[in-house]
Amino acid sequence: MSQVHYELFVRRKVGAQWTLEIASENRAHALQVAEDVLEQGRAVAVRVSKETLDPSTGEYKSIAIFTKGMVDGGKPKKEVEERDPLCVQPADLYTAHARDRIGRLLEGWLNRHKATPFELLHRPDLVEQLEASGTDLQHALQKIAIPEAEARGQTVHEVIRHFQGLVERTVANLMKSFKKGDLPDLDKEGFAKAAERLVADPDRAFLLGAGVAASIAPAANWSEKIARLLDLADAAPTEPRARAAALGAIEQPLAEIIGSRAGMADLLDTKDDLGSTLAAMTRMTGGAAVEALIRIEASVRGCMPELSGTARRLSEWLAGDDFPSVRKAIAERVLTELNGVRRLKPSDAEAEIEFLRALAMSLTAAAGRILQAEDIQGAFTTRSKTLLNGDFIESLLGRDRSAHEEIKMLIRLAENVMGAVNKRNASRWLNANISAMRFEKELRQGPDSPVAKLSHLAVLQRSLTRSGLVREDYEPLCAKLGDIGALIEADSRLLTMLVRAPAPLPHRLTLLAKLAMGEAGPTGPVADRARVEALKLARDPGSREQLQDSPQTMDLIKTLVGQAA
């Protein structure tokens, strides 16, 4: 039976070359990622191809099944320039860029063996397993050769032959060092002694890396690998040069594990809960700034999971200046997820808003340490778009809420989205709900007293003004609430009854004044009429004597007179 998988190539900008984004055995997944990449603006064109292995030749046949965007490149091709291949010497494969590419090309194989690209490059046993696997290595070479050949104007066969030679020389160097006994055994010699012995060796990075890779090899899972790496970090020498070399050898595999979705999920034990994962990552990296915010802000404290065990140990290391590339890997993961489309809390829209707010506050408090302020703002503006689509709104409002509760929830949503366009979209959702006949009918015919109904409208108005909407958006909404208040007052003739009620004059004037000032009812027609009635009562000749013993009421009347003036 033929082996089939799907490859997604992307064109990052107009005129750029195609580069491999992912390879997947799931057709639907590859197509969905292609759509997401275009939607998020990470590319101007995408192409998904179906790759089928021909057992007789060992080569893959490629058929494009999906293309979208500026597939033609947007401008004529430039002449192909003569340039050297990306990797020439075995040492080139040990760079961060090359390890990242290896990780993507061999992602499936590495995941099955619970290994990182760093370990593959430093462990002879892993290299032997990869060579014995059959087509995995050949397939990886073919995947990288296709875009490289297109970029350099060479044949795929020429590029594959070059990379095969590079891989063979790299493997030969590793196996030679292993057979000669040059690779250190850190469990026997001790990490500090090995680092001090090798600090002057020109190949110290490779040799210490091999020792670190061998030391973490017995670990059964990613979390245990991280724990073993931190054990080595605790045992690092104190002499500055040796310590720098030792921590550098630890940092590379640690950043690769932390930067992977599986590694972070295993460390934090958050499984598919993206909101809790990002919150824990932020707490783990944010240091003192985030811890201080947790102490003083209850809403943040409720969203930030406690760190324990290995995660707490790593957090203590990241609080200092060591392992900058690990902090960078976490920052890139946080940024990627916030700019993505995965829900933070798929089954709880209200919790998603709370977690997003807590993340925004925490990342802003730690700005500069995790992410830069402009990156934070851009990510949350992008994320806010996902909170304003119909599916999320439907999930947020549910089916059992009253119209009043729905509007309160939409105001809460408006408070927590970022970006002028998103705020404007939030105001449109609010306008649709506030203008709906359902809301007006619910208030006018509901069981609450007229005073309670007007108070609810006043609270909604104040919430709208504090929601972050611009004046041009919230003022029409407040005016609509005021008009509904006028209908409620007209239905009940509340102001007429207040004026004629047998209650003491100060009590009546106090309630009228609070209605007039938008405290006990909405601004608009009700407030205007309440002001007129209150001033009329206050000017009555018989009122002065009754108000002499109520200075608070007199102060309210003076405030109303000032407003009228």
Protein backbone atom coordinates (compact mmCIF):
# COMPACT_ATOMS: atom_id res chain seq x y z
CA MET A 1 0.00 0.00 0.00
CA SER A 2 1.38 3.44 -0.93
CA GLN A 3 2.40 5.85 1.80
CA VAL A 4 0.59 9.18 1.45
CA HIS A 5 1.01 12.49 3.25
CA TYR A 6 0.23 16.15 2.55
CA GLU A 7 2.68 19.07 2.49
CA LEU A 8 1.82 22.74 2.91
CA PHE A 9 4.10 25.26 1.18
CA VAL A 10 3.71 28.99 1.81
CA ARG A 11 4.86 32.16 0.07
CA ARG A 12 5.58 34.68 2.84
CA LYS A 13 5.50 37.81 0.67
CA VAL A 14 5.06 38.87 -2.92
CA GLY A 15 7.83 37.48 -5.09
CA ALA A 16 9.22 35.20 -2.36
CA GLN A 17 10.01 31.54 -2.88
CA TRP A 18 7.84 28.68 -1.64
CA THR A 19 8.89 27.31 1.75
CA LEU A 20 7.67 24.19 3.57
CA GLU A 21 5.35 25.01 6.49
CA ILE A 22 4.10 21.59 7.65
CA ALA A 23 3.80 17.98 6.54
CA SER A 24 0.80 15.99 7.77
CA GLU A 25 -0.87 12.66 7.13
CA ASN A 26 -4.25 14.34 7.71
CA ARG A 27 -5.60 16.01 4.57
CA ALA A 28 -8.20 18.09 6.45
CA HIS A 29 -5.57 19.35 8.89
CA ALA A 30 -3.23 20.48 6.09
CA LEU A 31 -6.07 22.33 4.32
CA GLN A 32 -7.23 24.00 7.56
CA VAL A 33 -3.72 25.19 8.40
CA ALA A 34 -3.43 26.59 4.86
CA GLU A 35 -6.61 28.63 5.35
CA ASP A 36 -5.44 29.78 8.81
CA VAL A 37 -2.05 30.93 7.49
CA LEU A 38 -3.74 33.08 4.84
CA GLU A 39 -6.35 34.44 7.24
CA GLN A 40 -3.74 35.44 9.81
CA GLY A 41 -1.69 37.30 7.17
CA ARG A 42 1.36 35.07 7.64
CA ALA A 43 1.60 34.42 3.90
CA VAL A 44 0.32 35.80 0.59
CA ALA A 45 -0.15 32.37 -1.01
CA VAL A 46 -0.44 28.72 0.02
CA ARG A 47 -0.13 25.41 -1.81
CA VAL A 48 -1.05 21.96 -0.48
CA SER A 49 0.36 18.95 -2.34
CA LYS A 50 -0.41 15.26 -2.00
CA GLU A 51 2.80 13.21 -1.76
CA THR A 52 2.55 9.50 -2.64
CA LEU A 53 5.52 7.14 -2.17
CA ASP A 54 6.33 4.89 -5.13
CA PRO A 55 7.71 1.66 -3.55
CA SER A 56 9.49 0.67 -6.74
CA THR A 57 11.62 3.82 -6.95
CA GLY A 58 11.54 5.04 -3.33
CA GLU A 59 10.58 8.52 -4.55
CA TYR A 60 7.48 10.58 -3.89
CA LYS A 61 5.09 11.72 -6.59
CA SER A 62 3.64 15.16 -5.93
CA ILE A 63 0.19 16.47 -6.99
CA ALA A 64 -1.05 19.96 -6.00
CA ILE A 65 -4.55 19.61 -4.52
CA PHE A 66 -5.10 23.16 -3.22
CA THR A 67 -3.71 26.60 -4.05
CA LYS A 68 -4.88 30.00 -2.88
CA GLY A 69 -3.60 33.57 -2.84
CA MET A 70 -0.93 35.14 -5.06
CA VAL A 71 0.22 31.77 -6.37
CA ASP A 72 1.99 33.25 -9.38
CA GLY A 73 4.26 35.29 -7.10
CA GLY A 74 2.86 38.68 -8.06
CA LYS A 75 5.83 39.61 -10.22
CA PRO A 76 8.20 38.00 -12.74
CA LYS A 77 10.82 35.64 -11.40
CA LYS A 78 14.26 37.08 -10.87
CA GLU A 79 17.27 35.40 -12.42
CA VAL A 80 18.54 32.63 -10.20
CA GLU A 81 21.68 33.74 -8.42
CA GLU A 82 24.58 31.41 -7.84
CA ARG A 83 24.87 30.88 -4.13
CA ASP A 84 26.15 28.23 -1.75
CA PRO A 85 23.80 25.76 -0.09
CA LEU A 86 22.44 26.77 3.29
CA CYS A 87 24.44 24.09 5.17
CA VAL A 88 27.94 23.21 3.96
CA GLN A 89 29.82 21.74 6.94
CA PRO A 90 28.57 19.36 9.65
CA ALA A 91 28.87 22.21 12.15
CA ASP A 92 26.17 24.09 10.22
CA LEU A 93 23.61 21.45 11.25
CA TYR A 94 24.14 22.34 14.92
CA THR A 95 22.97 25.96 14.56
CA ALA A 96 19.61 27.01 15.98
CA HIS A 97 18.17 27.60 12.49
CA ALA A 98 19.24 24.17 11.24
CA ARG A 99 17.94 22.41 14.37
CA ASP A 100 14.60 24.13 13.93
CA ARG A 101 14.42 22.91 10.32
CA ILE A 102 15.40 19.38 11.37
CA GLY A 103 12.67 19.45 13.99
CA ARG A 104 10.03 20.30 11.39
CA LEU A 105 11.27 17.81 8.79
CA LEU A 106 11.47 14.93 11.26
CA GLU A 107 8.69 16.00 13.60
CA GLY A 108 6.79 12.73 13.52
CA TRP A 109 9.86 10.53 14.01
CA LEU A 110 11.23 12.69 16.84
CA ASN A 111 7.87 12.69 18.64
CA ARG A 112 7.63 8.92 18.43
CA HIS A 113 11.07 8.62 20.03
CA LYS A 114 10.49 11.44 22.57
CA ALA A 115 13.64 13.20 21.32
CA THR A 116 14.66 16.70 20.23
CA PRO A 117 16.78 17.69 17.21
CA PHE A 118 19.58 18.50 19.69
CA GLU A 119 19.53 14.92 20.97
CA LEU A 120 19.48 13.47 17.46
CA LEU A 121 22.64 15.42 16.61
CA HIS A 122 24.44 14.30 19.78
CA ARG A 123 23.29 10.69 20.39
CA PRO A 124 24.78 7.85 18.32
CA ASP A 125 21.97 5.47 19.32
CA LEU A 126 19.31 7.83 17.88
CA VAL A 127 21.26 8.26 14.65
CA GLU A 128 21.42 4.48 14.23
CA GLN A 129 17.67 4.19 14.83
CA LEU A 130 16.96 6.90 12.23
CA GLU A 131 19.17 5.22 9.63
CA ALA A 132 17.46 1.91 10.31
CA SER A 133 13.96 3.39 10.01
CA GLY A 134 13.95 3.13 6.22
CA THR A 135 12.28 6.07 4.48
CA ASP A 136 12.10 8.70 7.26
CA LEU A 137 15.51 10.22 6.54
CA GLN A 138 15.10 9.94 2.77
CA HIS A 139 11.70 11.58 2.95
CA ALA A 140 13.08 14.44 5.07
CA LEU A 141 15.88 15.06 2.58
CA GLN A 142 13.42 15.13 -0.29
CA LYS A 143 11.13 17.58 1.50
CA ILE A 144 13.95 20.08 2.02
CA ALA A 145 15.49 19.49 -1.39
CA ILE A 146 12.41 20.55 -3.39
CA PRO A 147 12.25 24.21 -2.21
CA GLU A 148 16.07 24.47 -2.06
CA ALA A 149 16.36 23.27 -5.65
CA GLU A 150 13.71 25.75 -6.79
CA ALA A 151 15.46 28.61 -5.00
CA ARG A 152 18.91 27.80 -6.42
CA GLY A 153 17.99 26.69 -9.92
CA GLN A 154 19.36 23.18 -9.36
CA THR A 155 17.83 19.77 -9.81
CA VAL A 156 16.28 18.05 -6.84
CA HIS A 157 18.69 15.15 -7.31
CA GLU A 158 21.72 17.47 -7.03
CA VAL A 159 20.46 19.01 -3.81
CA ILE A 160 19.56 15.64 -2.28
CA ARG A 161 23.04 14.33 -3.13
CA HIS A 162 24.61 17.36 -1.43
CA PHE A 163 22.56 16.94 1.76
CA GLN A 164 23.11 13.20 1.82
CA GLY A 165 26.84 13.83 1.80
CA LEU A 166 26.49 16.39 4.58
CA VAL A 167 24.46 13.98 6.70
CA GLU A 168 26.96 11.16 6.12
CA ARG A 169 29.90 13.36 7.23
CA THR A 170 27.95 14.53 10.31
CA VAL A 171 27.09 10.97 11.31
CA ALA A 172 30.67 9.85 10.69
CA ASN A 173 32.02 12.59 13.00
CA LEU A 174 29.59 11.63 15.77
CA MET A 175 30.28 7.91 15.50
CA LYS A 176 34.05 8.49 15.39
CA SER A 177 33.93 10.52 18.61
CA PHE A 178 31.77 7.84 20.22
CA LYS A 179 34.07 4.95 19.27
CA LYS A 180 37.17 6.84 20.44
CA GLY A 181 35.52 7.43 23.82
CA ASP A 182 35.64 11.23 23.50
CA LEU A 183 32.01 11.75 24.49
CA PRO A 184 31.82 12.48 28.24
CA ASP A 185 29.74 10.42 30.66
CA LEU A 186 28.34 13.11 32.93
CA ASP A 187 26.72 10.63 35.30
CA LYS A 188 30.13 9.14 36.11
CA GLU A 189 32.45 12.12 35.79
CA GLY A 190 30.14 14.83 37.09
CA PHE A 191 28.87 17.78 35.08
CA ALA A 192 31.03 20.40 36.77
CA LYS A 193 34.26 18.42 36.32
CA ALA A 194 33.47 17.66 32.67
CA ALA A 195 32.71 21.32 31.93
CA GLU A 196 35.92 22.49 33.63
CA ARG A 197 37.97 19.85 31.78
CA LEU A 198 36.50 20.73 28.37
CA VAL A 199 36.28 24.52 28.70
CA ALA A 200 39.45 25.06 26.64
CA ASP A 201 38.58 22.43 24.02
CA PRO A 202 37.50 23.98 20.68
CA ASP A 203 34.80 21.26 20.42
CA ARG A 204 33.52 21.84 23.95
CA ALA A 205 29.96 22.74 22.74
CA PHE A 206 29.68 19.46 20.81
CA LEU A 207 31.25 17.32 23.54
CA LEU A 208 29.24 18.82 26.40
CA GLY A 209 26.11 18.59 24.25
CA ALA A 210 26.74 14.88 23.71
CA GLY A 211 27.16 14.41 27.46
CA VAL A 212 23.93 16.28 28.19
CA ALA A 213 22.01 14.32 25.52
CA ALA A 214 23.23 11.01 26.97
CA SER A 215 22.35 12.10 30.51
CA ILE A 216 18.70 12.87 29.67
CA ALA A 217 18.24 9.88 27.33
CA PRO A 218 16.77 7.53 30.00
CA ALA A 219 13.92 9.96 30.77
CA ALA A 220 10.49 8.48 30.07
CA ASN A 221 8.75 11.75 29.17
CA TRP A 222 9.36 15.42 28.43
CA SER A 223 8.83 16.56 32.00
CA GLU A 224 11.42 14.11 33.27
CA LYS A 225 13.87 15.32 30.62
CA ILE A 226 13.39 18.90 31.85
CA ALA A 227 13.92 17.75 35.45
CA ARG A 228 17.19 16.03 34.46
CA LEU A 229 18.34 19.16 32.62
CA LEU A 230 17.63 21.26 35.71
CA ASP A 231 19.55 18.75 37.83
CA LEU A 232 22.51 19.33 35.53
CA ALA A 233 22.02 23.10 35.79
CA ASP A 234 22.09 22.83 39.60
CA ALA A 235 25.38 20.94 39.28
CA ALA A 236 26.98 23.44 36.87
CA PRO A 237 30.44 24.76 37.85
CA THR A 238 30.89 28.20 39.40
CA GLU A 239 33.93 29.26 37.34
CA PRO A 240 32.47 31.81 34.82
CA ARG A 241 33.79 30.33 31.55
CA ALA A 242 33.02 26.74 32.47
CA ARG A 243 29.59 27.72 33.82
CA ALA A 244 28.72 29.59 30.61
CA ALA A 245 29.69 26.55 28.52
CA ALA A 246 27.76 24.19 30.79
CA LEU A 247 24.55 26.24 30.86
CA GLY A 248 24.80 26.80 27.11
CA ALA A 249 24.82 23.04 26.54
CA ILE A 250 21.71 22.70 28.74
CA GLU A 251 19.89 25.65 27.22
CA GLN A 252 19.63 24.25 23.69
CA PRO A 253 17.63 21.06 24.44
CA LEU A 254 15.67 22.88 27.16
CA ALA A 255 14.53 25.55 24.67
CA GLU A 256 13.56 22.87 22.13
CA ILE A 257 11.44 20.96 24.65
CA ILE A 258 9.82 24.09 26.10
CA GLY A 259 9.12 25.45 22.61
CA SER A 260 7.18 22.36 21.59
CA ARG A 261 3.47 21.98 22.30
CA ALA A 262 3.88 18.42 23.59
CA GLY A 263 6.80 19.31 25.88
CA MET A 264 5.00 22.24 27.48
CA ALA A 265 1.76 20.30 27.92
CA ASP A 266 3.65 17.46 29.63
CA LEU A 267 5.48 19.88 31.94
CA LEU A 268 2.35 21.80 32.97
CA ASP A 269 -0.10 18.87 32.74
CA THR A 270 -2.70 21.15 31.13
CA LYS A 271 -3.52 18.82 28.20
CA ASP A 272 -5.88 20.62 25.75
CA ASP A 273 -6.59 23.59 28.04
CA LEU A 274 -4.89 26.36 26.08
CA GLY A 275 -6.01 29.11 28.46
CA SER A 276 -4.43 27.44 31.51
CA THR A 277 -1.33 26.56 29.47
CA LEU A 278 -0.73 30.17 28.42
CA ALA A 279 -1.46 31.42 31.95
CA ALA A 280 1.06 28.97 33.43
CA MET A 281 3.65 29.89 30.78
CA THR A 282 3.16 33.57 31.57
CA ARG A 283 3.50 32.96 35.30
CA MET A 284 6.56 30.77 34.75
CA THR A 285 8.33 33.49 32.77
CA GLY A 286 6.91 36.72 34.20
CA GLY A 287 8.90 36.74 37.42
CA ALA A 288 8.27 39.21 40.21
CA ALA A 289 6.00 41.49 38.15
CA VAL A 290 3.40 38.77 37.53
CA GLU A 291 3.62 37.44 41.10
CA ALA A 292 2.95 40.94 42.45
CA LEU A 293 -0.07 41.29 40.16
CA ILE A 294 -1.41 37.92 41.33
CA ARG A 295 -1.25 39.11 44.94
CA ILE A 296 -3.21 42.30 44.37
CA GLU A 297 -5.64 41.37 41.57
CA ALA A 298 -8.20 38.68 42.42
CA SER A 299 -9.29 38.16 38.80
CA VAL A 300 -5.70 37.39 37.76
CA ARG A 301 -5.17 35.19 40.79
CA GLY A 302 -8.21 33.12 39.84
CA CYS A 303 -6.81 32.40 36.36
CA MET A 304 -3.14 31.75 37.14
CA PRO A 305 -2.53 28.08 38.01
CA GLU A 306 -0.11 27.21 40.78
CA LEU A 307 3.28 26.00 39.57
CA SER A 308 4.64 22.91 41.25
CA GLY A 309 7.48 20.45 40.91
CA THR A 310 9.59 20.80 37.78
CA ALA A 311 7.60 23.80 36.52
CA ARG A 312 8.35 25.73 39.72
CA ARG A 313 12.04 24.82 39.50
CA LEU A 314 12.18 26.08 35.93
CA SER A 315 10.36 29.27 36.93
CA GLU A 316 13.02 29.94 39.57
CA TRP A 317 15.76 29.57 36.97
CA LEU A 318 13.94 31.81 34.49
CA ALA A 319 13.53 34.52 37.15
CA GLY A 320 17.25 35.24 36.73
CA ASP A 321 19.28 36.07 33.65
CA ASP A 322 20.10 32.48 32.63
CA PHE A 323 18.49 30.64 29.70
CA PRO A 324 17.41 33.66 27.55
CA SER A 325 16.60 31.41 24.59
CA VAL A 326 14.19 29.42 26.80
CA ARG A 327 12.36 32.63 27.69
CA LYS A 328 12.36 33.49 23.98
CA ALA A 329 10.89 30.09 23.10
CA ILE A 330 8.09 30.60 25.61
CA ALA A 331 7.45 34.14 24.35
CA GLU A 332 7.24 32.93 20.75
CA ARG A 333 4.83 30.17 21.76
CA VAL A 334 2.61 32.61 23.68
CA LEU A 335 2.61 35.03 20.75
CA THR A 336 1.87 32.29 18.21
CA GLU A 337 -1.06 30.94 20.24
CA LEU A 338 -2.56 34.39 20.87
CA ASN A 339 -2.38 35.16 17.16
CA GLY A 340 -3.88 31.77 16.34
CA VAL A 341 -7.48 30.61 16.19
CA ARG A 342 -7.57 27.96 18.93
CA ARG A 343 -10.04 28.75 21.71
CA LEU A 344 -8.56 29.35 25.16
CA LYS A 345 -11.57 27.73 26.84
CA PRO A 346 -13.59 25.89 24.16
CA SER A 347 -16.40 24.91 26.51
CA ASP A 348 -16.68 28.11 28.56
CA ALA A 349 -16.89 31.45 26.73
CA GLU A 350 -17.16 33.50 29.95
CA ALA A 351 -14.01 31.89 31.32
CA GLU A 352 -12.26 32.61 28.01
CA ILE A 353 -12.89 36.34 28.46
CA GLU A 354 -11.61 36.20 32.04
CA PHE A 355 -8.47 34.32 31.02
CA LEU A 356 -7.83 36.70 28.13
CA ARG A 357 -8.13 39.67 30.49
CA ALA A 358 -5.79 38.05 33.03
CA LEU A 359 -3.24 37.27 30.31
CA ALA A 360 -3.38 40.83 28.97
CA MET A 361 -2.82 42.29 32.44
CA SER A 362 0.00 39.86 33.26
CA LEU A 363 1.86 40.22 29.96
CA THR A 364 1.55 44.00 30.17
CA ALA A 365 2.91 43.95 33.73
CA ALA A 366 5.89 41.90 32.53
CA ALA A 367 6.31 43.79 29.22
CA GLY A 368 9.90 43.66 28.04
CA ARG A 369 10.64 40.44 29.90
CA ILE A 370 8.29 38.14 28.00
CA LEU A 371 7.02 40.21 25.06
CA GLN A 372 7.38 43.78 23.89
CA ALA A 373 4.43 46.13 24.45
CA GLU A 374 3.67 46.49 20.72
CA ASP A 375 3.66 42.70 20.25
CA ILE A 376 1.27 42.32 23.18
CA GLN A 377 -1.12 44.91 21.79
CA GLY A 378 -1.00 43.40 18.31
CA ALA A 379 -1.60 39.86 19.60
CA PHE A 380 -4.58 40.81 21.73
CA THR A 381 -6.06 42.88 18.93
CA THR A 382 -5.84 39.83 16.68
CA ARG A 383 -7.24 37.56 19.39
CA SER A 384 -10.12 40.00 19.98
CA LYS A 385 -11.38 39.34 16.46
CA THR A 386 -12.10 35.73 17.40
CA LEU A 387 -14.31 36.92 20.28
CA LEU A 388 -16.61 38.81 17.94
CA ASN A 389 -17.58 36.11 15.47
CA GLY A 390 -21.05 34.64 15.55
CA ASP A 391 -20.02 31.27 16.96
CA PHE A 392 -18.29 32.77 19.98
CA ILE A 393 -21.11 35.25 20.65
CA GLU A 394 -23.63 32.40 20.51
CA SER A 395 -21.52 30.37 22.92
CA LEU A 396 -21.14 33.36 25.24
CA LEU A 397 -24.83 34.29 25.40
CA GLY A 398 -26.17 30.74 25.48
CA ARG A 399 -29.91 30.06 25.35
CA ASP A 400 -31.18 30.66 28.88
CA ARG A 401 -30.12 34.25 29.57
CA SER A 402 -32.57 37.13 29.75
CA ALA A 403 -32.14 40.01 27.30
CA HIS A 404 -30.84 42.16 30.18
CA GLU A 405 -28.20 39.56 31.10
CA GLU A 406 -27.15 39.22 27.45
CA ILE A 407 -26.52 42.96 27.21
CA LYS A 408 -24.51 42.92 30.45
CA MET A 409 -22.40 40.10 29.02
CA LEU A 410 -21.86 41.94 25.72
CA ILE A 411 -20.73 45.04 27.62
CA ARG A 412 -18.27 42.83 29.49
CA LEU A 413 -17.04 41.56 26.14
CA ALA A 414 -16.68 45.12 24.80
CA GLU A 415 -14.57 46.04 27.83
CA ASN A 416 -12.10 43.26 27.09
CA VAL A 417 -11.56 43.49 23.32
CA MET A 418 -8.72 45.59 21.93
CA GLY A 419 -8.43 47.61 18.75
CA ALA A 420 -10.65 50.31 17.29
CA VAL A 421 -12.22 48.00 14.70
CA ASN A 422 -13.00 45.37 17.33
CA LYS A 423 -14.54 47.97 19.66
CA ARG A 424 -16.73 49.16 16.81
CA ASN A 425 -17.84 45.58 16.07
CA ALA A 426 -18.66 45.07 19.75
CA SER A 427 -20.83 48.18 19.67
CA ARG A 428 -22.75 46.73 16.70
CA TRP A 429 -23.57 43.59 18.68
CA LEU A 430 -24.72 45.78 21.57
CA ASN A 431 -26.84 47.95 19.29
CA ALA A 432 -28.59 44.90 17.84
CA ASN A 433 -29.49 43.60 21.31
CA ILE A 434 -30.44 46.93 22.88
CA SER A 435 -32.63 47.84 19.88
CA ALA A 436 -34.35 44.44 19.86
CA MET A 437 -38.03 44.36 20.73
CA ARG A 438 -37.29 41.45 23.07
CA PHE A 439 -35.29 43.66 25.44
CA GLU A 440 -37.90 46.44 25.47
CA LYS A 441 -40.76 43.99 26.00
CA GLU A 442 -38.88 42.16 28.76
CA LEU A 443 -38.29 45.34 30.73
CA ARG A 444 -41.70 46.90 30.25
CA GLN A 445 -43.61 43.71 31.06
CA GLY A 446 -41.21 42.23 33.60
CA PRO A 447 -42.07 41.65 37.28
CA ASP A 448 -39.64 44.21 38.73
CA SER A 449 -40.88 47.56 40.05
CA PRO A 450 -40.56 50.65 37.82
CA VAL A 451 -37.85 52.01 40.15
CA ALA A 452 -35.82 48.77 39.83
CA LYS A 453 -36.22 48.75 36.03
CA LEU A 454 -34.99 52.34 35.73
CA SER A 455 -32.08 51.51 38.04
CA HIS A 456 -31.10 48.59 35.77
CA LEU A 457 -31.05 50.94 32.77
CA ALA A 458 -28.89 53.44 34.65
CA VAL A 459 -26.37 50.71 35.52
CA LEU A 460 -26.21 49.66 31.86
CA GLN A 461 -25.60 53.26 30.78
CA ARG A 462 -22.73 53.68 33.24
CA SER A 463 -21.22 50.37 32.14
CA LEU A 464 -21.35 51.47 28.51
CA THR A 465 -19.48 54.70 29.23
CA ARG A 466 -16.73 52.71 30.99
CA SER A 467 -16.49 49.97 28.36
CA GLY A 468 -13.82 51.64 26.25
CA LEU A 469 -16.15 52.37 23.33
CA VAL A 470 -15.70 55.74 21.67
CA ARG A 471 -18.29 58.43 22.38
CA GLU A 472 -19.75 58.15 18.89
CA ASP A 473 -20.57 54.48 19.58
CA TYR A 474 -21.80 54.49 23.17
CA GLU A 475 -23.88 57.69 23.15
CA PRO A 476 -26.55 56.32 20.72
CA LEU A 477 -26.76 53.18 22.86
CA CYS A 478 -27.24 55.24 26.01
CA ALA A 479 -29.88 57.30 24.24
CA LYS A 480 -31.78 54.13 23.29
CA LEU A 481 -31.70 52.99 26.93
CA GLY A 482 -33.04 56.42 27.91
CA ASP A 483 -35.91 56.05 25.46
CA ILE A 484 -36.82 52.67 26.94
CA GLY A 485 -36.72 54.29 30.37
CA ALA A 486 -39.22 56.89 29.18
CA LEU A 487 -41.60 54.14 28.04
CA ILE A 488 -41.33 52.42 31.43
CA GLU A 489 -42.02 55.71 33.24
CA ALA A 490 -44.98 56.43 30.99
CA ASP A 491 -46.41 52.95 31.60
CA SER A 492 -46.26 53.40 35.37
CA ARG A 493 -46.64 57.24 35.64
CA LEU A 494 -43.86 57.01 38.21
CA LEU A 495 -42.95 60.71 38.30
CA THR A 496 -46.56 61.80 38.70
CA MET A 497 -46.99 59.40 41.61
CA LEU A 498 -43.74 60.60 43.19
CA VAL A 499 -44.80 64.22 43.04
CA ARG A 500 -48.21 63.46 44.60
CA ALA A 501 -47.09 60.79 47.06
CA PRO A 502 -47.93 61.35 50.74
CA ALA A 503 -44.26 60.76 51.69
CA PRO A 504 -42.21 63.61 53.27
CA LEU A 505 -41.00 66.22 50.80
CA PRO A 506 -37.25 65.56 51.37
CA HIS A 507 -37.72 61.89 50.48
CA ARG A 508 -39.60 62.70 47.29
CA LEU A 509 -37.08 65.37 46.26
CA THR A 510 -34.14 63.06 46.95
CA LEU A 511 -35.50 60.34 44.65
CA LEU A 512 -36.41 62.89 41.97
CA ALA A 513 -32.92 64.41 42.17
CA LYS A 514 -31.25 61.02 41.82
CA LEU A 515 -33.41 60.26 38.79
CA ALA A 516 -32.54 63.67 37.34
CA MET A 517 -28.79 63.07 37.77
CA GLY A 518 -28.85 59.59 36.19
CA GLU A 519 -28.16 57.75 39.44
CA ALA A 520 -31.51 56.04 40.04
CA GLY A 521 -32.56 55.98 36.39
CA PRO A 522 -31.20 56.47 32.87
CA THR A 523 -30.26 59.82 31.42
CA GLY A 524 -32.60 61.10 28.74
CA PRO A 525 -36.32 61.93 28.89
CA VAL A 526 -36.88 60.51 32.40
CA ALA A 527 -33.97 62.46 33.86
CA ASP A 528 -35.07 65.67 32.11
CA ARG A 529 -38.62 65.42 33.39
CA ALA A 530 -37.48 64.45 36.91
CA ARG A 531 -35.31 67.58 37.00
CA VAL A 532 -38.26 69.77 36.01
CA GLU A 533 -40.53 68.22 38.66
CA ALA A 534 -37.87 68.42 41.37
CA LEU A 535 -37.15 72.10 40.73
CA LYS A 536 -40.87 72.85 40.60
CA LEU A 537 -41.37 71.23 44.02
CA ALA A 538 -38.35 72.97 45.49
CA ARG A 539 -39.58 76.42 44.37
CA ASP A 540 -43.00 75.95 46.00
CA PRO A 541 -43.41 78.56 48.81
CA GLY A 542 -44.32 75.89 51.34
CA SER A 543 -41.26 73.78 50.62
CA ARG A 544 -38.57 75.99 52.20
CA GLU A 545 -39.70 75.29 55.74
CA GLN A 546 -39.87 71.51 55.15
CA LEU A 547 -36.35 71.46 53.69
CA GLN A 548 -34.63 73.42 56.46
CA ASP A 549 -33.91 70.24 58.43
CA SER A 550 -32.59 68.31 55.41
CA PRO A 551 -29.27 69.86 54.29
CA GLN A 552 -28.45 66.85 52.11
CA THR A 553 -31.60 67.37 50.07
CA MET A 554 -30.78 71.08 49.74
CA ASP A 555 -27.35 70.16 48.37
CA LEU A 556 -28.96 67.92 45.75
CA ILE A 557 -31.34 70.74 44.73
CA LYS A 558 -28.41 73.15 44.39
CA THR A 559 -26.65 70.65 42.15
CA LEU A 560 -29.76 70.39 39.96
CA VAL A 561 -30.05 74.17 39.75
CA GLY A 562 -26.41 74.34 38.69
CA GLN A 563 -26.97 71.73 35.99
CA ALA A 564 -30.07 73.55 34.73
CA ALA A 565 -28.14 76.80 34.55
